[in-house]
PDB file of N, CA and C in Angstrom:
ATOM      1  N   UNK A   1      -7.801  16.578  23.985  1.00  0.00           N
ATOM      2  CA  UNK A   1      -7.306  16.494  22.610  1.00  0.00           C
ATOM      3  C   UNK A   1      -8.164  17.346  22.148  1.00  0.00           C
ATOM      4  N   UNK A   2      -7.935  18.049  20.857  1.00  0.00           N
ATOM      5  CA  UNK A   2      -8.360  19.064  20.363  1.00  0.00           C
ATOM      6  C   UNK A   2      -9.697  18.628  19.633  1.00  0.00           C
ATOM      7  N   UNK A   3     -10.390  19.777  19.079  1.00  0.00           N
ATOM      8  CA  UNK A   3     -11.579  18.922  18.437  1.00  0.00           C
ATOM      9  C   UNK A   3     -11.307  18.820  17.006  1.00  0.00           C
ATOM     10  N   UNK A   4     -10.411  20.079  16.502  1.00  0.00           N
ATOM     11  CA  UNK A   4      -9.314  19.594  15.048  1.00  0.00           C
ATOM     12  C   UNK A   4      -9.272  18.021  15.144  1.00  0.00           C
ATOM     13  N   UNK A   5      -8.303  17.559  16.087  1.00  0.00           N
ATOM     14  CA  UNK A   5      -7.891  16.121  16.456  1.00  0.00           C
ATOM     15  C   UNK A   5      -8.640  15.289  16.053  1.00  0.00           C
ATOM     16  N   UNK A   6     -10.109  15.416  16.571  1.00  0.00           N
ATOM     17  CA  UNK A   6     -10.898  14.458  16.915  1.00  0.00           C
ATOM     18  C   UNK A   6     -11.686  14.335  15.841  1.00  0.00           C
ATOM     19  N   UNK A   7     -12.002  15.558  15.124  1.00  0.00           N
ATOM     20  CA  UNK A   7     -12.409  15.333  13.459  1.00  0.00           C
ATOM     21  C   UNK A   7     -11.664  14.577  12.352  1.00  0.00           C
ATOM     22  N   UNK A   8     -10.140  14.423  12.492  1.00  0.00           N
ATOM     23  CA  UNK A   8      -9.658  14.019  11.920  1.00  0.00           C
ATOM     24  C   UNK A   8      -8.768  12.529  12.323  1.00  0.00           C
ATOM     25  N   UNK A   9      -9.231  12.576  12.857  1.00  0.00           N
ATOM     26  CA  UNK A   9      -9.350  11.108  14.194  1.00  0.00           C
ATOM     27  C   UNK A   9     -10.444  10.083  12.919  1.00  0.00           C
ATOM     28  N   UNK A  10     -11.973  10.734  13.148  1.00  0.00           N
ATOM     29  CA  UNK A  10     -12.952  10.038  12.698  1.00  0.00           C
ATOM     30  C   UNK A  10     -12.998  10.089  11.467  1.00  0.00           C
ATOM     31  N   UNK A  11     -12.667  10.831  10.803  1.00  0.00           N
ATOM     32  CA  UNK A  11     -12.780  11.113   9.362  1.00  0.00           C
ATOM     33  C   UNK A  11     -11.841  10.045   8.473  1.00  0.00           C
ATOM     34  N   UNK A  12     -10.473   9.924   9.574  1.00  0.00           N
ATOM     35  CA  UNK A  12      -9.787   8.811   9.065  1.00  0.00           C
ATOM     36  C   UNK A  12     -10.435   7.570   9.175  1.00  0.00           C
ATOM     37  N   UNK A  13     -10.875   7.256  10.479  1.00  0.00           N
ATOM     38  CA  UNK A  13     -11.848   6.002  10.822  1.00  0.00           C
ATOM     39  C   UNK A  13     -12.855   5.813   9.607  1.00  0.00           C
ATOM     40  N   UNK A  14     -13.381   6.386   9.466  1.00  0.00           N
ATOM     41  CA  UNK A  14     -14.532   6.248   8.702  1.00  0.00           C
ATOM     42  C   UNK A  14     -14.011   6.081   6.856  1.00  0.00           C
ATOM     43  N   UNK A  15     -12.942   6.826   6.529  1.00  0.00           N
ATOM     44  CA  UNK A  15     -12.283   6.068   5.048  1.00  0.00           C
ATOM     45  C   UNK A  15     -11.503   5.043   5.224  1.00  0.00           C
ATOM     46  N   UNK A  16     -10.808   4.628   6.077  1.00  0.00           N
ATOM     47  CA  UNK A  16     -10.416   3.413   6.236  1.00  0.00           C
ATOM     48  C   UNK A  16     -11.922   2.315   6.139  1.00  0.00           C
ATOM     49  N   UNK A  17     -12.878   2.458   6.962  1.00  0.00           N
ATOM     50  CA  UNK A  17     -13.540   1.471   7.005  1.00  0.00           C
ATOM     51  C   UNK A  17     -14.637   0.903   5.673  1.00  0.00           C
ATOM     52  N   UNK A  18     -14.127   1.992   4.788  1.00  0.00           N
ATOM     53  CA  UNK A  18     -15.154   2.300   3.351  1.00  0.00           C
ATOM     54  C   UNK A  18     -13.991   1.425   2.269  1.00  0.00           C
ATOM     55  N   UNK A  19     -12.799   1.292   2.721  1.00  0.00           N
ATOM     56  CA  UNK A  19     -12.040   0.382   1.639  1.00  0.00           C
ATOM     57  C   UNK A  19     -12.947  -1.057   1.747  1.00  0.00           C
ATOM     58  N   UNK A  20     -13.215  -1.628   0.639  1.00  0.00           N
ATOM     59  CA  UNK A  20     -13.188  -3.135   0.217  1.00  0.00           C
ATOM     60  C   UNK A  20     -11.972  -4.005   0.396  1.00  0.00           C
ATOM     61  N   UNK A  21     -11.418  -4.762   1.807  1.00  0.00           N
ATOM     62  CA  UNK A  21     -10.507  -5.115   2.145  1.00  0.00           C
ATOM     63  C   UNK A  21     -10.218  -6.664   0.930  1.00  0.00           C
ATOM     64  N   UNK A  22     -11.359  -7.082   0.287  1.00  0.00           N
ATOM     65  CA  UNK A  22     -10.895  -8.007  -0.367  1.00  0.00           C
ATOM     66  C   UNK A  22     -10.654  -7.962  -1.455  1.00  0.00           C
ATOM     67  N   UNK A  23     -10.644  -6.799  -2.039  1.00  0.00           N
ATOM     68  CA  UNK A  23     -10.413  -6.135  -3.594  1.00  0.00           C
ATOM     69  C   UNK A  23      -8.868  -5.966  -3.994  1.00  0.00           C
ATOM     70  N   UNK A  24      -8.002  -5.936  -2.206  1.00  0.00           N
ATOM     71  CA  UNK A  24      -6.278  -5.455  -2.867  1.00  0.00           C
ATOM     72  C   UNK A  24      -5.899  -6.645  -1.761  1.00  0.00           C
ATOM     73  N   UNK A  25      -4.509  -6.863  -2.007  1.00  0.00           N
ATOM     74  CA  UNK A  25      -3.405  -7.411  -1.176  1.00  0.00           C
ATOM     75  C   UNK A  25      -3.045  -7.107  -0.241  1.00  0.00           C
ATOM     76  N   UNK A  26      -2.605  -7.680   1.162  1.00  0.00           N
ATOM     77  CA  UNK A  26      -2.499  -6.789   2.368  1.00  0.00           C
ATOM     78  C   UNK A  26      -1.403  -5.497   2.111  1.00  0.00           C
ATOM     79  N   UNK A  27      -0.179  -5.836   1.284  1.00  0.00           N
ATOM     80  CA  UNK A  27       0.295  -4.954   0.633  1.00  0.00           C
ATOM     81  C   UNK A  27      -0.025  -3.397   0.318  1.00  0.00           C
ATOM     82  N   UNK A  28      -1.154  -3.623  -0.838  1.00  0.00           N
ATOM     83  CA  UNK A  28      -1.869  -2.509  -1.480  1.00  0.00           C
ATOM     84  C   UNK A  28      -3.044  -2.012  -0.161  1.00  0.00           C
ATOM     85  N   UNK A  29      -3.460  -2.620   0.777  1.00  0.00           N
ATOM     86  CA  UNK A  29      -4.327  -2.555   1.813  1.00  0.00           C
ATOM     87  C   UNK A  29      -3.634  -1.250   2.611  1.00  0.00           C
ATOM     88  N   UNK A  30      -2.396  -1.719   2.814  1.00  0.00           N
ATOM     89  CA  UNK A  30      -1.307  -0.882   3.736  1.00  0.00           C
ATOM     90  C   UNK A  30      -0.855   0.165   3.105  1.00  0.00           C
ATOM     91  N   UNK A  31      -0.787   0.287   2.229  1.00  0.00           N
ATOM     92  CA  UNK A  31      -0.325   1.278   0.930  1.00  0.00           C
ATOM     93  C   UNK A  31      -1.650   2.443   1.292  1.00  0.00           C
ATOM     94  N   UNK A  32      -2.550   1.930   0.900  1.00  0.00           N
ATOM     95  CA  UNK A  32      -3.838   2.640   1.300  1.00  0.00           C
ATOM     96  C   UNK A  32      -3.963   3.186   2.101  1.00  0.00           C
ATOM     97  N   UNK A  33      -3.629   2.394   3.070  1.00  0.00           N
ATOM     98  CA  UNK A  33      -4.008   2.947   4.630  1.00  0.00           C
ATOM     99  C   UNK A  33      -3.302   3.946   4.903  1.00  0.00           C
ATOM    100  N   UNK A  34      -1.801   3.838   4.708  1.00  0.00           N
ATOM    101  CA  UNK A  34      -0.765   4.855   4.666  1.00  0.00           C
ATOM    102  C   UNK A  34      -0.997   6.512   3.989  1.00  0.00           C
ATOM    103  N   UNK A  35      -1.205   6.070   3.068  1.00  0.00           N
ATOM    104  CA  UNK A  35      -1.934   7.436   2.218  1.00  0.00           C
ATOM    105  C   UNK A  35      -2.911   8.482   2.459  1.00  0.00           C
ATOM    106  N   UNK A  36      -3.844   7.402   3.092  1.00  0.00           N
ATOM    107  CA  UNK A  36      -5.018   8.397   3.648  1.00  0.00           C
ATOM    108  C   UNK A  36      -4.252   9.199   4.799  1.00  0.00           C
ATOM    109  N   UNK A  37      -3.422   8.336   5.636  1.00  0.00           N
ATOM    110  CA  UNK A  37      -2.991   8.989   6.729  1.00  0.00           C
ATOM    111  C   UNK A  37      -2.162  10.174   6.593  1.00  0.00           C
ATOM    112  N   UNK A  38      -1.738   9.658   5.824  1.00  0.00           N
ATOM    113  CA  UNK A  38      -0.479  11.220   5.471  1.00  0.00           C
ATOM    114  C   UNK A  38      -1.552  12.037   4.564  1.00  0.00           C
ATOM    115  N   UNK A  39      -2.605  12.228   4.140  1.00  0.00           N
ATOM    116  CA  UNK A  39      -3.014  13.190   3.480  1.00  0.00           C
ATOM    117  C   UNK A  39      -4.037  13.577   4.576  1.00  0.00           C
ATOM    118  N   UNK A  40      -4.361  12.633   5.569  1.00  0.00           N
ATOM    119  CA  UNK A  40      -5.249  13.862   6.619  1.00  0.00           C
ATOM    120  C   UNK A  40      -4.082  14.118   7.670  1.00  0.00           C
ATOM    121  N   UNK A  41      -3.338  13.791   8.100  1.00  0.00           N
ATOM    122  CA  UNK A  41      -2.291  14.161   9.380  1.00  0.00           C
ATOM    123  C   UNK A  41      -1.105  14.488   8.987  1.00  0.00           C
ATOM    124  N   UNK A  42      -0.370  14.719   7.795  1.00  0.00           N
ATOM    125  CA  UNK A  42       0.767  15.368   6.793  1.00  0.00           C
ATOM    126  C   UNK A  42       2.082  14.898   7.602  1.00  0.00           C
ATOM    127  N   UNK A  43       1.833  13.518   8.001  1.00  0.00           N
ATOM    128  CA  UNK A  43       2.799  13.180   8.452  1.00  0.00           C
ATOM    129  C   UNK A  43       2.481  11.108   8.321  1.00  0.00           C
ATOM    130  N   UNK A  44       3.701  10.663   8.311  1.00  0.00           N
ATOM    131  CA  UNK A  44       3.863   9.230   7.773  1.00  0.00           C
ATOM    132  C   UNK A  44       4.616   9.045   9.128  1.00  0.00           C
ATOM    133  N   UNK A  45       3.967   7.246   8.759  1.00  0.00           N
ATOM    134  CA  UNK A  45       3.878   5.947   9.990  1.00  0.00           C
ATOM    135  C   UNK A  45       4.843   6.416  10.795  1.00  0.00           C
ATOM    136  N   UNK A  46       6.297   6.788  10.679  1.00  0.00           N
ATOM    137  CA  UNK A  46       7.489   7.338  11.133  1.00  0.00           C
ATOM    138  C   UNK A  46       7.381   8.607  12.260  1.00  0.00           C
ATOM    139  N   UNK A  47       6.357   9.279  11.687  1.00  0.00           N
ATOM    140  CA  UNK A  47       6.226  10.680  12.304  1.00  0.00           C
ATOM    141  C   UNK A  47       7.320  11.738  11.663  1.00  0.00           C
ATOM    142  N   UNK A  48       7.556  11.576  10.223  1.00  0.00           N
ATOM    143  CA  UNK A  48       8.446  12.391   9.439  1.00  0.00           C
ATOM    144  C   UNK A  48       7.259  13.488   8.912  1.00  0.00           C
ATOM    145  N   UNK A  49       7.062  14.812   8.846  1.00  0.00           N
ATOM    146  CA  UNK A  49       6.304  15.463   8.080  1.00  0.00           C
ATOM    147  C   UNK A  49       6.427  15.497   6.458  1.00  0.00           C
ATOM    148  N   UNK A  50       5.318  15.313   6.424  1.00  0.00           N
ATOM    149  CA  UNK A  50       5.512  15.081   4.604  1.00  0.00           C
ATOM    150  C   UNK A  50       4.601  16.316   3.593  1.00  0.00           C
ATOM    151  N   UNK A  51       4.961  15.989   2.514  1.00  0.00           N
ATOM    152  CA  UNK A  51       4.345  16.999   1.595  1.00  0.00           C
ATOM    153  C   UNK A  51       4.021  16.130   0.798  1.00  0.00           C
ATOM    154  N   UNK A  52       2.619  16.468  -0.358  1.00  0.00           N
ATOM    155  CA  UNK A  52       2.622  15.680  -1.622  1.00  0.00           C
ATOM    156  C   UNK A  52       4.494  16.261  -2.017  1.00  0.00           C
ATOM    157  N   UNK A  53       4.269  15.314  -3.803  1.00  0.00           N
ATOM    158  CA  UNK A  53       5.527  15.529  -4.815  1.00  0.00           C
ATOM    159  C   UNK A  53       4.760  16.562  -5.936  1.00  0.00           C
ATOM    160  N   UNK A  54       6.304  17.249  -6.669  1.00  0.00           N
ATOM    161  CA  UNK A  54       5.621  17.717  -7.882  1.00  0.00           C
ATOM    162  C   UNK A  54       5.547  16.788  -8.754  1.00  0.00           C
ATOM    163  N   UNK A  55       4.478  16.890  -9.720  1.00  0.00           N
ATOM    164  CA  UNK A  55       4.591  15.923 -11.097  1.00  0.00           C
ATOM    165  C   UNK A  55       5.586  15.159 -11.359  1.00  0.00           C
ATOM    166  N   UNK A  56       6.802  15.995 -11.466  1.00  0.00           N
ATOM    167  CA  UNK A  56       7.626  15.495 -11.780  1.00  0.00           C
ATOM    168  C   UNK A  56       8.854  14.410 -11.170  1.00  0.00           C
ATOM    169  N   UNK A  57       8.476  14.696  -9.780  1.00  0.00           N
ATOM    170  CA  UNK A  57       9.132  13.624  -8.618  1.00  0.00           C
ATOM    171  C   UNK A  57       8.116  12.282  -8.578  1.00  0.00           C
ATOM    172  N   UNK A  58       9.093  11.427  -8.598  1.00  0.00           N
ATOM    173  CA  UNK A  58       8.885   9.743  -7.922  1.00  0.00           C
ATOM    174  C   UNK A  58       7.821   9.794  -7.004  1.00  0.00           C
ATOM    175  N   UNK A  59       6.834   9.038  -6.480  1.00  0.00           N
ATOM    176  CA  UNK A  59       5.618   8.685  -5.827  1.00  0.00           C
ATOM    177  C   UNK A  59       5.120  10.084  -5.479  1.00  0.00           C
ATOM    178  N   UNK A  60       4.273   9.552  -4.380  1.00  0.00           N
ATOM    179  CA  UNK A  60       3.192  11.083  -4.047  1.00  0.00           C
ATOM    180  C   UNK A  60       3.743  11.779  -2.594  1.00  0.00           C
ATOM    181  N   UNK A  61       4.445  11.164  -2.000  1.00  0.00           N
ATOM    182  CA  UNK A  61       4.762  12.155  -0.830  1.00  0.00           C
ATOM    183  C   UNK A  61       6.231  11.924  -0.608  1.00  0.00           C
ATOM    184  N   UNK A  62       6.723  12.728   0.025  1.00  0.00           N
ATOM    185  CA  UNK A  62       8.160  13.164   0.221  1.00  0.00           C
ATOM    186  C   UNK A  62       8.201  13.953   2.009  1.00  0.00           C
ATOM    187  N   UNK A  63       9.308  13.256   2.412  1.00  0.00           N
ATOM    188  CA  UNK A  63       9.583  13.446   3.839  1.00  0.00           C
ATOM    189  C   UNK A  63      10.267  15.218   3.477  1.00  0.00           C
ATOM    190  N   UNK A  64       9.607  16.344   4.647  1.00  0.00           N
ATOM    191  CA  UNK A  64      10.216  17.381   4.029  1.00  0.00           C
ATOM    192  C   UNK A  64      10.861  17.587   5.394  1.00  0.00           C
ATOM    193  N   UNK A  65      12.170  18.373   4.650  1.00  0.00           N
ATOM    194  CA  UNK A  65      13.283  18.175   5.542  1.00  0.00           C
ATOM    195  C   UNK A  65      13.852  19.841   5.521  1.00  0.00           C
ATOM    196  N   UNK A  66      13.529  20.553   6.287  1.00  0.00           N
ATOM    197  CA  UNK A  66      13.777  22.304   5.812  1.00  0.00           C
ATOM    198  C   UNK A  66      15.195  22.458   5.538  1.00  0.00           C
ATOM    199  N   UNK A  67      16.372  21.187   6.110  1.00  0.00           N
ATOM    200  CA  UNK A  67      18.047  21.533   6.176  1.00  0.00           C
ATOM    201  C   UNK A  67      18.348  20.130   5.886  1.00  0.00           C
ATOM    202  N   UNK A  68      19.438  20.496   4.203  1.00  0.00           N
ATOM    203  CA  UNK A  68      19.872  18.709   4.398  1.00  0.00           C
ATOM    204  C   UNK A  68      21.452  19.354   4.680  1.00  0.00           C
ATOM    205  N   UNK A  69      21.442  17.818   5.500  1.00  0.00           N
ATOM    206  CA  UNK A  69      23.167  17.132   6.212  1.00  0.00           C
ATOM    207  C   UNK A  69      23.765  17.216   4.749  1.00  0.00           C
ATOM    208  N   UNK A  70      25.163  17.443   4.903  1.00  0.00           N
ATOM    209  CA  UNK A  70      26.301  17.402   4.148  1.00  0.00           C
ATOM    210  C   UNK A  70      26.442  15.881   2.921  1.00  0.00           C
ATOM    211  N   UNK A  71      25.921  14.909   3.824  1.00  0.00           N
ATOM    212  CA  UNK A  71      26.134  13.819   3.529  1.00  0.00           C
ATOM    213  C   UNK A  71      24.369  13.439   2.358  1.00  0.00           C
ATOM    214  N   UNK A  72      23.849  13.889   2.514  1.00  0.00           N
ATOM    215  CA  UNK A  72      22.500  14.468   1.752  1.00  0.00           C
ATOM    216  C   UNK A  72      23.144  14.997   0.730  1.00  0.00           C
ATOM    217  N   UNK A  73      23.625  16.121   0.863  1.00  0.00           N
ATOM    218  CA  UNK A  73      23.978  16.343  -0.703  1.00  0.00           C
ATOM    219  C   UNK A  73      24.820  16.098  -1.332  1.00  0.00           C
ATOM    220  N   UNK A  74      25.911  15.612  -0.786  1.00  0.00           N
ATOM    221  CA  UNK A  74      26.818  14.519  -1.466  1.00  0.00           C
ATOM    222  C   UNK A  74      25.998  13.559  -2.106  1.00  0.00           C
ATOM    223  N   UNK A  75      25.408  13.046  -1.807  1.00  0.00           N
ATOM    224  CA  UNK A  75      24.702  11.609  -2.213  1.00  0.00           C
ATOM    225  C   UNK A  75      23.930  11.992  -3.501  1.00  0.00           C
ATOM    226  N   UNK A  76      23.219  13.188  -2.935  1.00  0.00           N
ATOM    227  CA  UNK A  76      22.122  14.387  -4.677  1.00  0.00           C
ATOM    228  C   UNK A  76      23.327  14.348  -5.638  1.00  0.00           C
ATOM    229  N   UNK A  77      24.190  14.748  -5.219  1.00  0.00           N
ATOM    230  CA  UNK A  77      25.823  15.874  -6.405  1.00  0.00           C
ATOM    231  C   UNK A  77      25.927  13.934  -7.089  1.00  0.00           C
ATOM    232  N   UNK A  78      26.031  13.162  -6.711  1.00  0.00           N
ATOM    233  CA  UNK A  78      26.516  12.081  -7.168  1.00  0.00           C
ATOM    234  C   UNK A  78      25.938  11.323  -8.157  1.00  0.00           C
ATOM    235  N   UNK A  79      24.439  11.212  -7.200  1.00  0.00           N
ATOM    236  CA  UNK A  79      23.523  10.943  -8.252  1.00  0.00           C
ATOM    237  C   UNK A  79      23.005  11.760  -9.826  1.00  0.00           C
ATOM    238  N   UNK A  80      23.707  12.447  -9.275  1.00  0.00           N
ATOM    239  CA  UNK A  80      23.246  14.112 -10.644  1.00  0.00           C
ATOM    240  C   UNK A  80      22.043  15.018 -10.394  1.00  0.00           C
ATOM    241  N   UNK A  81      21.452  14.450  -9.263  1.00  0.00           N
ATOM    242  CA  UNK A  81      19.885  15.533  -9.176  1.00  0.00           C
ATOM    243  C   UNK A  81      20.334  16.530  -8.725  1.00  0.00           C
ATOM    244  N   UNK A  82      21.946  16.647  -8.602  1.00  0.00           N
ATOM    245  CA  UNK A  82      22.007  18.764  -8.104  1.00  0.00           C
ATOM    246  C   UNK A  82      23.467  18.636  -8.261  1.00  0.00           C
ATOM    247  N   UNK A  83      23.468  19.586  -9.029  1.00  0.00           N
ATOM    248  CA  UNK A  83      24.910  19.887  -9.731  1.00  0.00           C
ATOM    249  C   UNK A  83      25.603  21.006  -8.506  1.00  0.00           C
ATOM    250  N   UNK A  84      27.283  20.946  -8.181  1.00  0.00           N
ATOM    251  CA  UNK A  84      27.507  21.799  -7.544  1.00  0.00           C
ATOM    252  C   UNK A  84      28.375  22.916  -8.187  1.00  0.00           C
ATOM    253  N   UNK A  85      28.208  24.153  -7.614  1.00  0.00           N
ATOM    254  CA  UNK A  85      28.894  25.342  -8.386  1.00  0.00           C
ATOM    255  C   UNK A  85      29.521  25.894  -7.310  1.00  0.00           C
ATOM    256  N   UNK A  86      31.680  25.456  -7.743  1.00  0.00           N
ATOM    257  CA  UNK A  86      31.952  26.490  -7.100  1.00  0.00           C
ATOM    258  C   UNK A  86      32.499  27.819  -6.762  1.00  0.00           C
ATOM    259  N   UNK A  87      31.475  28.374  -7.420  1.00  0.00           N
ATOM    260  CA  UNK A  87      31.302  29.768  -7.475  1.00  0.00           C
ATOM    261  C   UNK A  87      30.719  30.075  -6.422  1.00  0.00           C
ATOM    262  N   UNK A  88      29.986  29.261  -5.715  1.00  0.00           N
ATOM    263  CA  UNK A  88      29.280  30.055  -4.680  1.00  0.00           C
ATOM    264  C   UNK A  88      29.684  29.751  -3.525  1.00  0.00           C
ATOM    265  N   UNK A  89      30.911  29.246  -3.745  1.00  0.00           N
ATOM    266  CA  UNK A  89      31.616  29.597  -2.363  1.00  0.00           C
ATOM    267  C   UNK A  89      32.046  30.103  -1.989  1.00  0.00           C
TER     268      UNK A  89
END
């Protein structure tokens, strides 16, 4: 294991130990730990690379996908989040 990974793991462990468990529900605690994990390692607990969202987007993190499938694009078009420009094709 690299020194960089060791430092990140130690940093993560220290931050999680500082959380006062009695102040949060189990779900809130899980979300806090996951946010700390994603901030340090830039991956979610499912192993997907994550990036911070822009101020106008929902949530604090989103899964980074360099390419979208045709189904994902069609879903965005149907939800009105993307406009299909027929002149591009």
